[in-house]
Amino acid sequence: MKIAMVLTSHDQLGNTGKPTGFWLEEFASPYYVFKDAGAEVTLLTPKGGQPPLDPKSDASENQTESTKRFKDDTDAQRALASTKKLSDVRFDDYDAVFYPGGHGPMWDLANNQDSIRLIETMVNAGKPVAAVCHGPVAMVNAKDKSGAPLLKGKTVTGFTDSEEEAVGLTKVVPFLLEDAIKDKGANYQRGKDWGSYVVEDGNIITGQNPASSADAAEKLLNKLH
């Protein structure tokens, strides 16, 4: 069982001068769900190497059992520091792909052609694609075999407009993810803000926010099994 996890390489929060990147829980929770199930996990980024971590996700109030486990896991830290470049890998080598969020993907994964090609390759091969929080932005510009938006008619979730409002970034992000998903003709669904909420539509699995990370990963594993 070979699973690719694709993280952002983008480290600037718009024009605020503040850093951003991937959200630690959204990486660590799925990573250990996959590893504990015996999966071979490969970490990918647009630029390769160490992906930027959103420092807020490393704050004490955002720590979980998985993030604490990561802090003591030198092997996982080495793997994260040496991610492979998206353009350098064979997409056929993987059985599934998972996209953690954080705000970084809103800038680089929305339009990254290698990432879009990876998603389209997986879906066309009948393989599952999962994403959590802002991660579903990677699917927004992907297309199906007919050339229509991949998300058209699909039941999808992702970081809500109200959650974006709660963190004060509606005017900072390049667009609102909930709105972008709806604009592609998807059936956008949501649960309560900050609670775990995951939807599955065929081979597309999406989670709403950080709390949804482990549950989305479990659904991906169930799909593979």
Protein backbone atom coordinates (compact mmCIF):
# COMPACT_ATOMS: atom_id res chain seq x y z
CA MET A 1 0.00 0.00 0.00
CA LYS A 2 1.75 3.12 -1.24
CA ILE A 3 0.31 6.51 -0.29
CA ALA A 4 1.61 9.89 -1.42
CA MET A 5 1.09 12.91 0.83
CA VAL A 6 1.38 16.27 -0.92
CA LEU A 7 2.27 19.34 1.13
CA THR A 8 2.64 23.00 0.23
CA SER A 9 5.92 24.79 -0.50
CA HIS A 10 4.38 28.26 0.00
CA ASP A 11 5.47 30.16 3.11
CA GLN A 12 4.04 33.70 2.88
CA LEU A 13 0.55 34.67 4.11
CA GLY A 14 -0.43 36.96 1.26
CA ASN A 15 0.91 40.49 1.73
CA THR A 16 0.77 40.40 5.53
CA GLY A 17 4.49 39.74 5.96
CA LYS A 18 3.55 36.79 8.18
CA PRO A 19 4.58 33.18 7.58
CA THR A 20 2.28 30.33 6.61
CA GLY A 21 2.64 26.79 5.29
CA PHE A 22 1.10 23.44 6.14
CA TRP A 23 -0.87 22.76 9.34
CA LEU A 24 0.97 20.30 11.57
CA GLU A 25 -2.03 18.29 12.82
CA GLU A 26 -3.28 17.84 9.26
CA PHE A 27 0.02 16.21 8.35
CA ALA A 28 0.82 14.31 11.54
CA SER A 29 -2.58 12.71 12.19
CA PRO A 30 -2.98 11.17 8.71
CA TYR A 31 0.72 10.28 8.55
CA TYR A 32 0.44 8.07 11.61
CA VAL A 33 -2.91 6.61 10.55
CA PHE A 34 -1.17 5.46 7.36
CA LYS A 35 2.09 4.35 8.98
CA ASP A 36 0.34 2.42 11.74
CA ALA A 37 -1.64 0.58 9.05
CA GLY A 38 1.62 -0.52 7.42
CA ALA A 39 1.44 1.84 4.44
CA GLU A 40 4.52 3.09 2.63
CA VAL A 41 4.22 6.88 2.77
CA THR A 42 6.02 9.20 0.36
CA LEU A 43 6.03 12.95 1.03
CA LEU A 44 5.86 15.30 -1.95
CA THR A 45 5.97 19.08 -2.43
CA PRO A 46 6.12 21.38 -5.45
CA LYS A 47 9.68 22.45 -4.67
CA GLY A 48 11.00 19.41 -2.81
CA GLY A 49 12.85 19.52 0.51
CA GLN A 50 11.52 20.89 3.77
CA PRO A 51 7.96 22.26 3.48
CA PRO A 52 7.18 25.39 5.52
CA LEU A 53 5.25 24.84 8.74
CA ASP A 54 2.59 27.33 9.78
CA PRO A 55 4.00 28.39 13.17
CA LYS A 56 0.50 28.79 14.62
CA SER A 57 -0.07 25.08 14.13
CA ASP A 58 2.92 24.41 16.37
CA ALA A 59 1.52 26.49 19.25
CA SER A 60 0.81 24.72 22.53
CA GLU A 61 -2.97 25.06 22.18
CA ASN A 62 -2.89 23.23 18.83
CA GLN A 63 -0.93 20.19 19.95
CA THR A 64 -2.49 16.73 19.62
CA GLU A 65 -1.23 13.24 20.38
CA SER A 66 -0.08 12.96 16.78
CA THR A 67 1.84 16.24 16.78
CA LYS A 68 3.52 15.27 20.06
CA ARG A 69 4.43 11.92 18.57
CA PHE A 70 5.94 13.67 15.56
CA LYS A 71 8.14 15.79 17.83
CA ASP A 72 9.74 12.60 19.16
CA ASP A 73 9.97 10.84 15.79
CA THR A 74 13.33 11.57 14.17
CA ASP A 75 12.55 9.32 11.19
CA ALA A 76 9.38 11.28 10.41
CA GLN A 77 11.24 14.56 10.82
CA ARG A 78 13.92 13.40 8.37
CA ALA A 79 11.27 12.33 5.88
CA LEU A 80 9.56 15.71 6.12
CA ALA A 81 12.85 17.55 5.65
CA SER A 82 13.56 15.69 2.42
CA THR A 83 10.27 15.62 0.51
CA LYS A 84 10.45 14.63 -3.13
CA LYS A 85 9.66 17.15 -5.85
CA LEU A 86 6.28 16.57 -7.47
CA SER A 87 7.73 16.84 -10.97
CA ASP A 88 10.29 14.11 -10.25
CA VAL A 89 7.99 11.21 -9.31
CA ARG A 90 6.01 8.61 -11.23
CA PHE A 91 2.37 9.06 -10.31
CA ASP A 92 1.53 5.46 -11.28
CA ASP A 93 3.63 4.27 -8.34
CA TYR A 94 0.98 5.28 -5.77
CA ASP A 95 -2.27 3.67 -4.69
CA ALA A 96 -3.71 6.86 -3.18
CA VAL A 97 -2.90 10.49 -2.47
CA PHE A 98 -3.66 12.68 0.54
CA TYR A 99 -3.45 16.49 0.74
CA PRO A 100 -3.02 18.10 4.18
CA GLY A 101 -4.08 21.73 4.43
CA GLY A 102 -2.81 24.88 6.04
CA HIS A 103 -3.14 28.16 4.20
CA GLY A 104 -0.09 27.58 1.99
CA PRO A 105 -1.93 25.38 -0.55
CA MET A 106 -4.26 28.28 -1.37
CA TRP A 107 -1.35 29.90 -3.19
CA ASP A 108 0.69 27.09 -4.72
CA LEU A 109 -1.38 23.91 -4.97
CA ALA A 110 -4.47 25.52 -6.48
CA ASN A 111 -2.72 25.94 -9.83
CA ASN A 112 0.29 23.64 -9.66
CA GLN A 113 0.20 21.66 -12.90
CA ASP A 114 2.12 18.68 -11.51
CA SER A 115 -0.31 18.41 -8.61
CA ILE A 116 -3.32 18.73 -10.91
CA ARG A 117 -1.88 16.04 -13.18
CA LEU A 118 -1.35 13.78 -10.16
CA ILE A 119 -4.98 14.15 -9.09
CA GLU A 120 -6.29 13.58 -12.61
CA THR A 121 -4.03 10.54 -13.04
CA MET A 122 -5.24 9.00 -9.78
CA VAL A 123 -8.93 9.64 -10.42
CA ASN A 124 -8.76 8.37 -14.00
CA ALA A 125 -7.10 5.19 -12.72
CA GLY A 126 -9.87 4.66 -10.16
CA LYS A 127 -7.61 5.45 -7.23
CA PRO A 128 -8.70 7.51 -4.20
CA VAL A 129 -7.77 11.13 -3.61
CA ALA A 130 -8.29 12.66 -0.16
CA ALA A 131 -7.76 16.17 1.17
CA VAL A 132 -8.48 18.03 4.38
CA CYS A 133 -9.17 21.66 5.39
CA HIS A 134 -7.57 23.86 2.67
CA GLY A 135 -6.16 20.77 0.94
CA PRO A 136 -9.22 20.35 -1.33
CA VAL A 137 -8.08 23.51 -3.15
CA ALA A 138 -5.73 21.18 -5.05
CA MET A 139 -8.80 19.63 -6.73
CA VAL A 140 -10.51 22.87 -7.73
CA ASN A 141 -8.81 23.19 -11.12
CA ALA A 142 -8.55 19.48 -11.90
CA LYS A 143 -10.71 18.05 -14.68
CA ASP A 144 -12.35 14.71 -15.39
CA LYS A 145 -11.88 12.65 -18.55
CA SER A 146 -14.47 14.73 -20.40
CA GLY A 147 -12.71 17.99 -19.58
CA ALA A 148 -15.35 19.10 -17.09
CA PRO A 149 -14.38 20.28 -13.60
CA LEU A 150 -13.50 17.24 -11.49
CA LEU A 151 -15.65 18.52 -8.62
CA LYS A 152 -18.75 19.19 -10.73
CA GLY A 153 -21.67 17.28 -9.22
CA LYS A 154 -19.46 15.82 -6.48
CA THR A 155 -20.25 16.05 -2.78
CA VAL A 156 -17.30 17.87 -1.27
CA THR A 157 -16.35 19.72 1.90
CA GLY A 158 -13.44 21.95 2.91
CA PHE A 159 -12.58 24.87 5.17
CA THR A 160 -15.77 26.92 5.55
CA ASP A 161 -16.18 30.63 4.91
CA SER A 162 -17.22 31.03 8.55
CA GLU A 163 -14.08 29.26 9.76
CA GLU A 164 -12.00 31.55 7.53
CA GLU A 165 -13.85 34.51 9.02
CA ALA A 166 -13.13 33.21 12.52
CA VAL A 167 -9.37 33.22 11.88
CA GLY A 168 -9.59 36.69 10.31
CA LEU A 169 -8.20 35.78 6.89
CA THR A 170 -11.10 36.25 4.48
CA LYS A 171 -9.41 39.37 3.06
CA VAL A 172 -5.96 37.76 2.98
CA VAL A 173 -6.47 34.49 1.11
CA PRO A 174 -6.61 34.79 -2.70
CA PHE A 175 -10.18 33.42 -2.65
CA LEU A 176 -12.50 31.58 -0.28
CA LEU A 177 -12.29 27.81 -0.61
CA GLU A 178 -15.96 27.13 0.07
CA ASP A 179 -16.95 29.57 -2.66
CA ALA A 180 -14.42 28.13 -5.13
CA ILE A 181 -15.73 24.60 -4.59
CA LYS A 182 -19.30 25.77 -5.17
CA ASP A 183 -18.23 27.69 -8.29
CA LYS A 184 -17.08 24.40 -9.83
CA GLY A 185 -20.59 22.99 -9.53
CA ALA A 186 -19.89 20.80 -6.51
CA ASN A 187 -22.44 19.89 -3.87
CA TYR A 188 -20.67 21.59 -0.98
CA GLN A 189 -21.49 20.15 2.44
CA ARG A 190 -20.38 21.26 5.89
CA GLY A 191 -20.65 20.31 9.52
CA LYS A 192 -20.22 22.47 12.60
CA ASP A 193 -17.26 24.81 12.60
CA TRP A 194 -14.14 23.14 14.04
CA GLY A 195 -15.80 19.74 14.44
CA SER A 196 -14.76 16.67 12.46
CA TYR A 197 -16.73 16.38 9.22
CA VAL A 198 -15.74 14.14 6.30
CA VAL A 199 -17.59 13.33 3.09
CA GLU A 200 -16.90 10.64 0.53
CA ASP A 201 -18.08 10.67 -3.06
CA GLY A 202 -16.70 7.82 -5.09
CA ASN A 203 -12.92 8.06 -4.90
CA ILE A 204 -12.92 11.65 -3.65
CA ILE A 205 -12.69 12.09 0.13
CA THR A 206 -12.65 15.51 1.78
CA GLY A 207 -12.46 16.74 5.37
CA GLN A 208 -13.57 20.16 6.57
CA ASN A 209 -10.90 21.27 9.04
CA PRO A 210 -7.97 20.14 11.22
CA ALA A 211 -10.23 18.03 13.45
CA SER A 212 -11.23 16.05 10.36
CA SER A 213 -7.69 14.93 9.52
CA ALA A 214 -7.57 11.48 11.12
CA ASP A 215 -11.13 10.62 10.08
CA ALA A 216 -10.38 11.53 6.46
CA ALA A 217 -7.27 9.36 6.56
CA GLU A 218 -9.25 6.44 7.99
CA LYS A 219 -11.80 6.75 5.17
CA LEU A 220 -8.97 6.68 2.65
CA LEU A 221 -7.59 3.50 4.24
CA ASN A 222 -11.03 1.91 4.20
CA LYS A 223 -11.31 2.74 0.51
CA LEU A 224 -7.95 1.05 -0.17
CA HIS A 225 -8.92 -2.02 1.82
